[in-house]
């Protein structure tokens, strides 16, 4: 017994060293937590608004805090607004050669398509050509996509009359209808410009990829059915766009008036156009064939009609096309009257649809070329070009899928190809409009029909179905809505389904229980990673919601409390206990996915903290984002749970929770000579299941008399060494050591010593 004091002193010294190491780790964790707690305040709403406008308008890195001269700032502003000032300085003649060929190829497709799309929009043919002249020039100055081809497109050309003719009949009063078209174009440009300036591109995202796939397919079928009017030479046709009304109008016309010669001529050139499209796709060297085929069709059909006088036998022709440069339409804009509200609404719908198509086209080809396309700057460019277009007799222009593909295949290098195309269209307006007098309307229908297959993507619809059933539901909703109701009903149905999906994810966000992945400091969801190791006494939960707010705060709080109860019941059942005992000592909330929080979210956290604290459970928070920790400090929530309960990472939060649970010290009463006289009936050491220790060292002092020693080392831990020193003189009635075969602890040091 004489050696006992030295033995006890050695154990005590070892414990002091261990305690110093623990204190150093705690200090390091606290220091890193202060990085989080002492971070500067995030920018205010006004600062974010100003910053977003600055980022849109100014070229280069806006995070540079160095003061610049007013002259340099003005130049940076103009470079941001007009990207051509930046890349134009490095433009070479070799690039112009490629852009010239691409622009001429593009013009050969744009001229006949523009005339056809104007006819689809219930406008005179020259307005389609006007729209292929001014907007491409404006975009060339302000746009940043190198490949996109600007001008009228099928979907917008169909959308405008389907919405406007409900308030103004284009046949009864074409002048009033045209004024409304220009006014809608003006408001569409305003909306697009504001969206870009305020960086509100997320509004366009409500028309998701799945919605666009369904909408485009439905619109393509509706547009195709409407071309039966021109293909069959029908004079009286329904103004509705749904498939039932269109087919009914066609069947009715069969019994009254239709001209087979129109059908024969149109189908002949439609076969030629589709064959050229097929050959161009199969042989990349003949990419120019489908691009020039529409122009060839117009020239040949016009010549045939002129020679054969087919217009005298029922073939409908375009007749007069007003030539010359775009006239001003400022005096035709309507900003007063009872239709203003309807006009603004149509402008908003058209703006979003046009932006969605343009940005989708631009980003697709930008990714192929390997450069980044700023969607907000594209919105500014689109808005400005449509504003200018509304003042120069143009209707809504955007990026075209088919013409952009032709422009890309033709080898365009920059947006100069749009300038070449616009100049070519202008020359056509000035010099060649008289030559189009005998162009048959059925050829325009054939040109539009030949472009429609590219709008229907069946393979993508199948892919959407396999990946996400809710996305497929939105896709089908848009498709059926456009097909059997109207364009706006289809859009409304699709957006409603998409919004319901967003709302469902917001109201019922994913909440995950995490475990540590073996031999790492990474935590993963236990259902996704079955090998992840849960900690017995600590419940780690990740909230997968961008916003912790009033719509999901109660759900998150109740779900966490339910999980705490379920975990404890599961542990008690596993241990075959007749009476329940609390096994969860701490709850760690991983807030890394939460970008923002409102007052309802803070109140829910406060209620969660009170409920857990009343049951002896500590609430700990890890990885809160900038806005979240700022608002939690303003709401005094950090003060309520304590700054020591906020950590930079989940791993540090877990280490802190385990550190306070694993240190086990059992003191003994001592005699005057320092020897231990403690007589404990039971020592029960139960290490958490997720112990991450290299060594386990359990040392029970020799003269302590225990009736029972129970040491449980569960199997999920990672252990390189286990050292258990039972006292030689200890008189234990029972010793129970439970070392599971797959124990893998890395380090545990437990000393049962005399008190200091």
Foldseek 3Di string as FASTA:
>chain_A
DVCQVVVQVVLVVVVVVVVVVVVVLLVVQLVQLVCQLVPDADDDPVVLQVVLLCVQQFDDDPVDPDDDDPVVRVVRRQCSQFVCVVCVVVDDPVQVVLLLLLLVLLLLQQLLLLQLLCVLLLHASVQSLQQLFQLLVLCQGGPDFFQFRKGDDNLLSNLLLQQQCVPPNCVVPVLLSLLLLLQLLQLLLVVLQVCLSSVVCVVLCLCPPLLQQLQLLLSLVLLLLVLVCQQFLPDDADSHRAQVRSVVRVVVCVVPDTAVVSNVLLVVLLVVLLVQVVVCVVDLVSVSRNSNSLSVSQLVQLVVCVVVVCVVVRFAASAADQFAHFDFCPVSHDCDDPCNVSSSVSSNVSSSVQLSVQVVQRVVVCVVVPHDGDSSSNSSSQSVSSNVQSGRSHGRMHTYNVSSVSSVSSRNDGSVSSVSSNVVSNCCRHPPRNSRRRRTSSSSSSSSSSPSVVSNDPVVLVVCVVPPVLSNVLSNQLNNCCHHPNNVSSVVRSSVSSVVVVLVCQLDPDKAWWAQAPPDLDIDGCVVPVNGDDWFQETEMETQHQECEDSHQVVVLVVVVVVLVVSQVVVCVVVVDPDGDRRHQEYEYEQQNHNAYDPSNLVSVVVSQVVQVVVNYQYAYEQHDSRHSSVCVVVCVCVVSDSSRYGHHPSSNVVVVQVVVQADEAAFDADPVGDGDREAAEAAHEHILAAAAAEAAAADRAQHEYQEYAYAQDQNAAYNYYHHHDHPNYHYVYYHYHDDPNHGHHRGYYYYHHDD
